Amino acid sequence: MSILDIIILILIISWLGGFSLRLGGGLIHLLLVVALIVLVFRLLS
């Protein structure tokens, strides 16, 4: 696992925690979008 994979995993877990606890607001969703973009970029490259 690279450091980028760990960051993506942490962002997704944070998003799920923020979604269930209603914390973070738009920032958590923005971080999830960034994590998904990075994940897609890594899969395509």
PDB file of N, CA and C in Angstrom:
ATOM      1  N   MET A   1       0.842  -1.190   0.000  1.00  0.00           N
ATOM      2  CA  MET A   1       0.000   0.000   0.000  1.00  0.00           C
ATOM      3  C   MET A   1       0.883   1.247   0.000  1.00  0.00           C
ATOM      4  N   SER A   2       0.609   2.113  -0.896  1.00  0.00           N
ATOM      5  CA  SER A   2       1.371   3.360  -0.927  1.00  0.00           C
ATOM      6  C   SER A   2       0.735   4.381   0.016  1.00  0.00           C
ATOM      7  N   ILE A   3       1.431   5.462   0.225  1.00  0.00           N
ATOM      8  CA  ILE A   3       0.922   6.520   1.103  1.00  0.00           C
ATOM      9  C   ILE A   3      -0.351   7.125   0.533  1.00  0.00           C
ATOM     10  N   LEU A   4      -0.461   7.158  -0.802  1.00  0.00           N
ATOM     11  CA  LEU A   4      -1.662   7.704  -1.426  1.00  0.00           C
ATOM     12  C   LEU A   4      -2.872   6.818  -1.157  1.00  0.00           C
ATOM     13  N   ASP A   5      -2.684   5.507  -1.171  1.00  0.00           N
ATOM     14  CA  ASP A   5      -3.778   4.591  -0.847  1.00  0.00           C
ATOM     15  C   ASP A   5      -4.250   4.786   0.588  1.00  0.00           C
ATOM     16  N   ILE A   6      -3.311   5.005   1.490  1.00  0.00           N
ATOM     17  CA  ILE A   6      -3.659   5.217   2.894  1.00  0.00           C
ATOM     18  C   ILE A   6      -4.441   6.523   3.059  1.00  0.00           C
ATOM     19  N   ILE A   7      -4.024   7.564   2.353  1.00  0.00           N
ATOM     20  CA  ILE A   7      -4.735   8.844   2.416  1.00  0.00           C
ATOM     21  C   ILE A   7      -6.151   8.691   1.891  1.00  0.00           C
ATOM     22  N   ILE A   8      -6.327   7.984   0.772  1.00  0.00           N
ATOM     23  CA  ILE A   8      -7.662   7.752   0.212  1.00  0.00           C
ATOM     24  C   ILE A   8      -8.524   6.995   1.206  1.00  0.00           C
ATOM     25  N   LEU A   9      -7.967   5.976   1.829  1.00  0.00           N
ATOM     26  CA  LEU A   9      -8.710   5.203   2.810  1.00  0.00           C
ATOM     27  C   LEU A   9      -9.131   6.066   3.993  1.00  0.00           C
ATOM     28  N   ILE A  10      -8.240   6.901   4.487  1.00  0.00           N
ATOM     29  CA  ILE A  10      -8.569   7.782   5.607  1.00  0.00           C
ATOM     30  C   ILE A  10      -9.659   8.772   5.219  1.00  0.00           C
ATOM     31  N   LEU A  11      -9.584   9.321   4.005  1.00  0.00           N
ATOM     32  CA  LEU A  11     -10.608  10.266   3.555  1.00  0.00           C
ATOM     33  C   LEU A  11     -11.978   9.609   3.453  1.00  0.00           C
ATOM     34  N   ILE A  12     -12.024   8.384   2.944  1.00  0.00           N
ATOM     35  CA  ILE A  12     -13.305   7.683   2.814  1.00  0.00           C
ATOM     36  C   ILE A  12     -13.879   7.352   4.190  1.00  0.00           C
ATOM     37  N   ILE A  13     -13.025   6.912   5.118  1.00  0.00           N
ATOM     38  CA  ILE A  13     -13.498   6.628   6.476  1.00  0.00           C
ATOM     39  C   ILE A  13     -13.974   7.916   7.152  1.00  0.00           C
ATOM     40  N   SER A  14     -13.250   9.006   6.960  1.00  0.00           N
ATOM     41  CA  SER A  14     -13.664  10.292   7.524  1.00  0.00           C
ATOM     42  C   SER A  14     -14.996  10.743   6.944  1.00  0.00           C
ATOM     43  N   TRP A  15     -15.172  10.530   5.640  1.00  0.00           N
ATOM     44  CA  TRP A  15     -16.429  10.906   4.999  1.00  0.00           C
ATOM     45  C   TRP A  15     -17.594  10.100   5.560  1.00  0.00           C
ATOM     46  N   LEU A  16     -17.377   8.791   5.713  1.00  0.00           N
ATOM     47  CA  LEU A  16     -18.440   7.951   6.268  1.00  0.00           C
ATOM     48  C   LEU A  16     -18.759   8.348   7.704  1.00  0.00           C
ATOM     49  N   GLY A  17     -17.744   8.646   8.496  1.00  0.00           N
ATOM     50  CA  GLY A  17     -17.965   9.098   9.867  1.00  0.00           C
ATOM     51  C   GLY A  17     -18.669  10.440   9.909  1.00  0.00           C
ATOM     52  N   GLY A  18     -18.254  11.354   9.061  1.00  0.00           N
ATOM     53  CA  GLY A  18     -18.890  12.676   9.002  1.00  0.00           C
ATOM     54  C   GLY A  18     -20.313  12.603   8.489  1.00  0.00           C
ATOM     55  N   PHE A  19     -20.564  11.681   7.581  1.00  0.00           N
ATOM     56  CA  PHE A  19     -21.917  11.536   7.029  1.00  0.00           C
ATOM     57  C   PHE A  19     -22.866  10.986   8.082  1.00  0.00           C
ATOM     58  N   SER A  20     -22.393  10.032   8.886  1.00  0.00           N
ATOM     59  CA  SER A  20     -23.266   9.431   9.888  1.00  0.00           C
ATOM     60  C   SER A  20     -23.441  10.334  11.108  1.00  0.00           C
ATOM     61  N   LEU A  21     -22.434  11.162  11.408  1.00  0.00           N
ATOM     62  CA  LEU A  21     -22.505  12.024  12.588  1.00  0.00           C
ATOM     63  C   LEU A  21     -22.881  13.467  12.247  1.00  0.00           C
ATOM     64  N   ARG A  22     -23.046  13.761  10.953  1.00  0.00           N
ATOM     65  CA  ARG A  22     -23.386  15.107  10.472  1.00  0.00           C
ATOM     66  C   ARG A  22     -22.334  16.141  10.872  1.00  0.00           C
ATOM     67  N   LEU A  23     -21.064  15.761  10.759  1.00  0.00           N
ATOM     68  CA  LEU A  23     -19.964  16.668  11.074  1.00  0.00           C
ATOM     69  C   LEU A  23     -19.224  17.042   9.802  1.00  0.00           C
ATOM     70  N   GLY A  24     -18.624  18.210   9.811  1.00  0.00           N
ATOM     71  CA  GLY A  24     -17.755  18.595   8.710  1.00  0.00           C
ATOM     72  C   GLY A  24     -18.447  19.290   7.562  1.00  0.00           C
ATOM     73  N   GLY A  25     -19.690  18.993   7.325  1.00  0.00           N
ATOM     74  CA  GLY A  25     -20.428  19.662   6.254  1.00  0.00           C
ATOM     75  C   GLY A  25     -19.824  19.425   4.888  1.00  0.00           C
ATOM     76  N   GLY A  26     -19.662  20.496   4.136  1.00  0.00           N
ATOM     77  CA  GLY A  26     -19.191  20.402   2.763  1.00  0.00           C
ATOM     78  C   GLY A  26     -17.743  19.982   2.628  1.00  0.00           C
ATOM     79  N   LEU A  27     -16.943  20.216   3.669  1.00  0.00           N
ATOM     80  CA  LEU A  27     -15.523  19.874   3.590  1.00  0.00           C
ATOM     81  C   LEU A  27     -15.315  18.376   3.425  1.00  0.00           C
ATOM     82  N   ILE A  28     -16.072  17.584   4.157  1.00  0.00           N
ATOM     83  CA  ILE A  28     -15.941  16.124   4.051  1.00  0.00           C
ATOM     84  C   ILE A  28     -16.300  15.668   2.641  1.00  0.00           C
ATOM     85  N   HIS A  29     -17.351  16.238   2.066  1.00  0.00           N
ATOM     86  CA  HIS A  29     -17.752  15.845   0.713  1.00  0.00           C
ATOM     87  C   HIS A  29     -16.705  16.277  -0.310  1.00  0.00           C
ATOM     88  N   LEU A  30     -16.112  17.432  -0.095  1.00  0.00           N
ATOM     89  CA  LEU A  30     -15.053  17.902  -0.987  1.00  0.00           C
ATOM     90  C   LEU A  30     -13.842  16.976  -0.922  1.00  0.00           C
ATOM     91  N   LEU A  31     -13.479  16.550   0.280  1.00  0.00           N
ATOM     92  CA  LEU A  31     -12.353  15.633   0.433  1.00  0.00           C
ATOM     93  C   LEU A  31     -12.644  14.289  -0.234  1.00  0.00           C
ATOM     94  N   LEU A  32     -13.880  13.827  -0.148  1.00  0.00           N
ATOM     95  CA  LEU A  32     -14.244  12.572  -0.806  1.00  0.00           C
ATOM     96  C   LEU A  32     -14.113  12.690  -2.317  1.00  0.00           C
ATOM     97  N   VAL A  33     -14.559  13.802  -2.865  1.00  0.00           N
ATOM     98  CA  VAL A  33     -14.443  14.012  -4.312  1.00  0.00           C
ATOM     99  C   VAL A  33     -12.974  14.016  -4.725  1.00  0.00           C
ATOM    100  N   VAL A  34     -12.124  14.682  -3.944  1.00  0.00           N
ATOM    101  CA  VAL A  34     -10.696  14.701  -4.242  1.00  0.00           C
ATOM    102  C   VAL A  34     -10.123  13.284  -4.190  1.00  0.00           C
ATOM    103  N   ALA A  35     -10.517  12.519  -3.170  1.00  0.00           N
ATOM    104  CA  ALA A  35     -10.026  11.144  -3.046  1.00  0.00           C
ATOM    105  C   ALA A  35     -10.474  10.290  -4.231  1.00  0.00           C
ATOM    106  N   LEU A  36     -11.704  10.454  -4.680  1.00  0.00           N
ATOM    107  CA  LEU A  36     -12.193   9.675  -5.821  1.00  0.00           C
ATOM    108  C   LEU A  36     -11.475  10.058  -7.110  1.00  0.00           C
ATOM    109  N   ILE A  37     -11.201  11.344  -7.284  1.00  0.00           N
ATOM    110  CA  ILE A  37     -10.482  11.788  -8.482  1.00  0.00           C
ATOM    111  C   ILE A  37      -9.078  11.185  -8.499  1.00  0.00           C
ATOM    112  N   VAL A  38      -8.405  11.199  -7.356  1.00  0.00           N
ATOM    113  CA  VAL A  38      -7.058  10.633  -7.275  1.00  0.00           C
ATOM    114  C   VAL A  38      -7.100   9.132  -7.535  1.00  0.00           C
ATOM    115  N   LEU A  39      -8.102   8.462  -6.983  1.00  0.00           N
ATOM    116  CA  LEU A  39      -8.236   7.016  -7.176  1.00  0.00           C
ATOM    117  C   LEU A  39      -8.457   6.682  -8.651  1.00  0.00           C
ATOM    118  N   VAL A  40      -9.334   7.392  -9.318  1.00  0.00           N
ATOM    119  CA  VAL A  40      -9.590   7.161 -10.740  1.00  0.00           C
ATOM    120  C   VAL A  40      -8.338   7.451 -11.561  1.00  0.00           C
ATOM    121  N   PHE A  41      -7.630   8.517 -11.231  1.00  0.00           N
ATOM    122  CA  PHE A  41      -6.398   8.856 -11.943  1.00  0.00           C
ATOM    123  C   PHE A  41      -5.355   7.753 -11.803  1.00  0.00           C
ATOM    124  N   ARG A  42      -5.250   7.178 -10.604  1.00  0.00           N
ATOM    125  CA  ARG A  42      -4.288   6.103 -10.373  1.00  0.00           C
ATOM    126  C   ARG A  42      -4.699   4.827 -11.133  1.00  0.00           C
ATOM    127  N   LEU A  43      -5.984   4.557 -11.200  1.00  0.00           N
ATOM    128  CA  LEU A  43      -6.431   3.359 -11.906  1.00  0.00           C
ATOM    129  C   LEU A  43      -6.213   3.476 -13.407  1.00  0.00           C
ATOM    130  N   LEU A  44      -6.333   4.690 -13.941  1.00  0.00           N
ATOM    131  CA  LEU A  44      -6.167   4.884 -15.382  1.00  0.00           C
ATOM    132  C   LEU A  44      -4.706   4.986 -15.790  1.00  0.00           C
ATOM    133  N   SER A  45      -3.840   5.349 -14.866  1.00  0.00           N
ATOM    134  CA  SER A  45      -2.436   5.533 -15.251  1.00  0.00           C
ATOM    135  C   SER A  45      -1.613   4.286 -14.964  1.00  0.00           C
TER     136      SER A  45
END
